[in-house]
Protein backbone atom coordinates (compact mmCIF):
# COMPACT_ATOMS: atom_id res chain seq x y z
CA MET A 1 33.28 55.13 18.12
CA ARG A 2 32.85 55.27 14.54
CA VAL A 3 36.11 56.61 12.09
CA GLU A 4 35.40 57.16 8.78
CA ILE A 5 37.00 58.37 5.74
CA SER A 6 35.59 61.89 3.68
CA ALA A 7 33.98 60.72 0.40
CA ASP A 8 36.65 62.65 -1.85
CA LEU A 9 39.78 61.37 0.30
CA ALA A 10 38.09 57.78 0.09
CA PRO A 11 40.34 56.79 -3.28
CA LEU A 12 43.50 58.13 -1.37
CA VAL A 13 43.39 56.96 2.14
CA ARG A 14 43.60 53.77 4.27
CA LEU A 15 42.77 53.60 7.75
CA GLY A 16 43.84 51.20 10.37
CA VAL A 17 41.75 51.45 13.50
CA LEU A 18 42.38 50.24 17.05
CA ARG A 19 40.57 50.86 20.08
CA LEU A 20 42.05 49.69 23.40
CA GLU A 21 40.23 49.44 26.64
CA GLY A 22 41.12 48.35 30.03
CA LEU A 23 44.62 49.94 30.01
CA ARG A 24 46.76 49.26 33.03
CA PRO A 25 49.93 51.17 33.71
CA PRO A 26 52.93 48.78 33.51
CA GLY A 27 54.23 47.42 36.91
CA ASP A 28 57.90 48.59 35.77
CA GLY A 29 56.93 52.16 34.93
CA GLY A 30 57.31 51.35 31.16
CA ASP A 31 61.10 50.28 31.01
CA ALA A 32 60.43 46.77 29.08
CA LEU A 33 58.87 49.00 26.89
CA TRP A 34 61.46 51.31 26.46
CA ALA A 35 64.11 48.89 26.20
CA GLU A 36 62.49 47.44 23.70
CA LEU A 37 61.88 50.61 21.44
CA GLU A 38 65.31 51.81 22.00
CA SER A 39 66.64 48.19 20.84
CA ALA A 40 64.19 48.81 17.61
CA ALA A 41 65.54 52.25 17.13
CA ILE A 42 69.30 50.66 17.40
CA ALA A 43 68.65 47.86 15.02
CA LEU A 44 66.51 50.29 12.54
CA GLY A 45 69.76 52.70 12.65
CA ARG A 46 72.23 50.02 11.83
CA ARG A 47 69.69 48.64 9.03
CA HIS A 48 69.58 51.74 7.12
CA ALA A 49 73.02 53.52 7.92
CA GLY A 50 74.30 55.80 5.50
CA ARG A 51 70.87 55.87 3.53
CA THR A 52 68.72 58.90 3.30
CA ALA A 53 64.94 58.58 4.45
CA GLY A 54 63.91 58.97 1.00
CA GLU A 55 65.43 55.86 -0.19
CA ILE A 56 63.59 53.61 2.11
CA PRO A 57 60.32 52.05 0.35
CA ALA A 58 58.24 52.51 3.31
CA VAL A 59 59.16 55.77 3.93
CA ARG A 60 58.29 56.56 0.41
CA GLU A 61 55.00 55.20 0.45
CA THR A 62 53.85 57.21 3.12
CA ARG A 63 55.34 60.12 1.47
CA ARG A 64 53.53 59.30 -1.49
CA LEU A 65 50.04 59.79 1.10
CA TYR A 66 51.32 63.18 1.55
CA ARG A 67 52.23 64.06 -1.97
CA SER A 68 48.42 63.08 -2.77
CA VAL A 69 46.72 65.60 -0.82
CA GLY A 70 48.77 68.11 -1.75
CA ILE A 71 51.50 68.21 1.10
CA ASP A 72 55.02 68.72 0.52
CA PRO A 73 56.66 65.48 3.08
CA THR A 74 59.76 67.52 3.10
CA LYS A 75 58.26 70.41 4.58
CA THR A 76 55.68 68.85 6.55
CA ARG A 77 57.56 65.75 7.97
CA PRO A 78 55.36 62.72 8.68
CA SER A 79 55.70 61.56 12.03
CA SER A 80 56.75 57.95 11.63
CA GLU A 81 59.68 59.59 9.57
CA ALA A 82 60.60 61.98 11.87
CA LEU A 83 61.44 58.66 14.17
CA LEU A 84 62.78 56.60 11.49
CA ARG A 85 65.38 59.65 11.08
CA ARG A 86 66.19 60.15 15.02
CA ALA A 87 67.01 56.45 15.07
CA ILE A 88 69.35 56.48 11.41
CA GLN A 89 71.34 59.69 12.87
CA GLY A 90 71.51 57.63 16.19
CA ARG A 91 69.69 60.63 18.11
CA GLU A 92 67.84 59.36 21.09
CA LEU A 93 63.78 59.22 21.14
CA TYR A 94 61.63 60.85 23.53
CA ARG A 95 60.21 58.89 26.42
CA VAL A 96 57.02 60.54 27.08
CA HIS A 97 54.49 57.84 28.21
CA PRO A 98 53.91 54.11 28.43
CA LEU A 99 51.04 54.05 25.90
CA VAL A 100 52.37 56.59 23.30
CA ASP A 101 55.90 55.15 23.73
CA LEU A 102 53.86 51.85 22.41
CA PHE A 103 52.73 53.45 19.72
CA ASN A 104 55.56 55.28 18.46
CA LEU A 105 57.55 51.90 18.63
CA ALA A 106 54.62 50.67 16.11
CA SER A 107 55.22 53.84 14.21
CA LEU A 108 58.60 53.09 14.12
CA LEU A 109 58.58 49.33 12.78
CA SER A 110 56.24 49.85 10.07
CA GLN A 111 56.53 53.41 9.21
CA LEU A 112 53.18 54.23 9.19
CA CYS A 113 51.94 57.13 10.81
CA VAL A 114 49.77 56.89 13.84
CA GLY A 115 47.12 59.57 15.41
CA LEU A 116 46.65 58.30 19.53
CA TYR A 117 44.13 59.62 21.52
CA ASP A 118 42.42 59.37 24.99
CA GLU A 119 39.10 57.96 23.89
CA SER A 120 37.20 59.86 26.76
CA ARG A 121 38.21 62.85 25.41
CA ILE A 122 37.01 62.73 22.08
CA GLU A 123 33.34 64.71 21.52
CA GLY A 124 30.50 62.40 19.81
CA HIS A 125 30.53 59.21 18.73
CA ARG A 126 31.64 59.87 15.29
CA VAL A 127 35.15 60.75 13.93
CA LEU A 128 36.08 61.85 10.61
CA VAL A 129 39.21 62.09 8.68
CA ARG A 130 39.14 64.82 6.10
CA LEU A 131 41.24 67.77 4.47
CA GLY A 132 40.59 70.50 7.06
CA GLU A 133 39.33 73.89 6.10
CA GLU A 134 40.98 77.14 5.85
CA GLY A 135 42.41 78.41 9.45
CA TRP A 136 41.44 75.36 11.08
CA GLY A 137 44.14 73.91 13.76
CA PHE A 138 44.25 72.88 16.80
CA GLU A 139 46.60 73.41 19.84
CA GLY A 140 49.49 70.74 19.54
CA ILE A 141 51.39 68.79 22.78
CA ARG A 142 54.03 70.90 23.12
CA ARG A 143 53.88 72.70 19.62
CA GLY A 144 51.76 75.63 20.00
CA ARG A 145 49.01 76.00 17.32
CA ILE A 146 49.18 73.44 14.58
CA ASN A 147 47.55 74.65 11.34
CA VAL A 148 45.50 71.90 9.38
CA GLY A 149 43.95 73.92 6.89
CA GLY A 150 44.22 72.11 3.75
CA ARG A 151 45.83 69.00 5.35
CA LEU A 152 44.59 65.50 6.76
CA CYS A 153 43.24 65.78 9.85
CA LEU A 154 40.76 63.83 12.30
CA VAL A 155 37.81 65.86 13.08
CA ASP A 156 35.20 65.16 16.28
CA ARG A 157 32.30 67.09 17.15
CA GLU A 158 34.32 69.90 18.60
CA GLY A 159 36.75 70.26 15.74
CA PRO A 160 40.26 69.22 14.45
CA PHE A 161 41.89 67.04 17.09
CA GLY A 162 44.98 65.25 15.28
CA SER A 163 46.87 64.10 11.83
CA PRO A 164 49.58 62.52 10.51
CA THR A 165 51.92 64.67 11.81
CA ALA A 166 51.16 65.88 15.03
CA ASP A 167 48.18 65.62 17.78
CA SER A 168 46.05 67.84 19.82
CA ALA A 169 46.90 68.79 23.57
CA ARG A 170 42.71 68.23 24.07
CA THR A 171 42.90 64.65 23.14
CA ALA A 172 46.28 63.66 24.38
CA ILE A 173 47.20 60.54 26.58
CA ASP A 174 48.05 62.03 29.99
CA GLY A 175 48.34 60.06 32.84
CA ASP A 176 45.85 56.66 33.36
CA SER A 177 43.92 56.66 30.22
CA PRO A 178 41.96 53.50 30.44
CA ARG A 179 40.57 53.64 26.48
CA ALA A 180 42.68 54.95 23.77
CA LEU A 181 41.99 55.32 19.58
CA ALA A 182 44.85 54.65 17.61
CA VAL A 183 44.68 55.36 13.54
CA PHE A 184 47.15 54.47 11.54
CA PHE A 185 47.34 56.28 7.82
CA GLN A 186 48.29 54.55 4.62
CA PRO A 187 47.72 55.25 0.93
CA ARG A 188 45.06 53.44 -0.51
CA ASP A 189 47.33 52.21 -3.07
CA GLY A 190 49.39 50.84 -0.48
CA GLU A 191 50.17 47.11 0.59
CA PRO A 192 47.36 46.48 2.50
CA ALA A 193 49.20 43.38 4.56
CA ARG A 194 50.99 46.09 6.19
CA ILE A 195 48.36 47.81 7.81
CA GLY A 196 47.11 44.96 9.21
CA GLU A 197 50.65 43.87 10.45
CA ALA A 198 51.13 47.14 12.11
CA LEU A 199 47.65 46.56 13.80
CA ASP A 200 48.28 43.36 14.97
CA ARG A 201 51.68 44.06 16.38
CA ALA A 202 50.82 47.35 18.36
CA ALA A 203 47.57 45.04 19.90
CA ASP A 204 50.41 42.42 21.10
CA LEU A 205 52.41 45.05 22.15
CA ALA A 206 49.68 46.48 24.42
CA ALA A 207 48.43 43.07 25.47
CA ARG A 208 51.99 42.11 26.77
CA HIS A 209 53.16 45.76 28.31
CA LEU A 210 49.48 47.31 29.35
CA ALA A 211 47.48 44.26 29.80
CA ALA A 212 44.98 45.74 27.21
CA GLN A 213 42.33 44.43 25.82
CA VAL A 214 40.85 45.12 21.77
CA ALA A 215 37.69 46.65 21.63
CA GLU A 216 37.89 47.24 18.01
CA ARG A 217 40.19 46.44 15.03
CA ARG A 218 39.33 47.72 11.99
CA ILE A 219 40.50 48.81 8.16
CA VAL A 220 39.08 51.36 6.69
CA GLU A 221 38.92 52.28 2.89
CA GLY A 222 36.51 54.85 2.84
């Protein structure tokens, strides 16, 4: 599976690509992973108590990515910021699926948006990150239709299936997914070490909790 950035976005976007294989359901049903996620959310909530999300440097960096492609991040909220806002407000996070929970933890800690997909449901062998065309969209996960016209999206042979804000039901992690593709989003002028650290953290979590092996770890810069 090859993940690429369209030529017009190459000066604006950096991607972290992590492909995992051999994923196995955790023997405890994901309880240890969930406890780790809850602990991280509590710690971040305490660290940033009294601050607005926009005062946090990592949040500002992701907002800058959205604004660089003409999206108002205060109206279309980055998924990473939405997680952090819940933590700061002391609201519970959603427990979904061990693999989804794992990447929610990776996104929460790094404050990078992450798209997560069942690789077997992606059509073809090439994924392109680009701006969607007018009228483009997909059926979101429990969210109805998601519009990606003029917005960052991931496209396979069949069409758009994900974005930094929401992902599609078509390629969603559901049940036992032995292979997964995760894509981290960062502005091109962001600190490269942050995305590398996020990839390594996610790979470590996946190995510890889901016995996963890394099929590919790569940073894409156009």
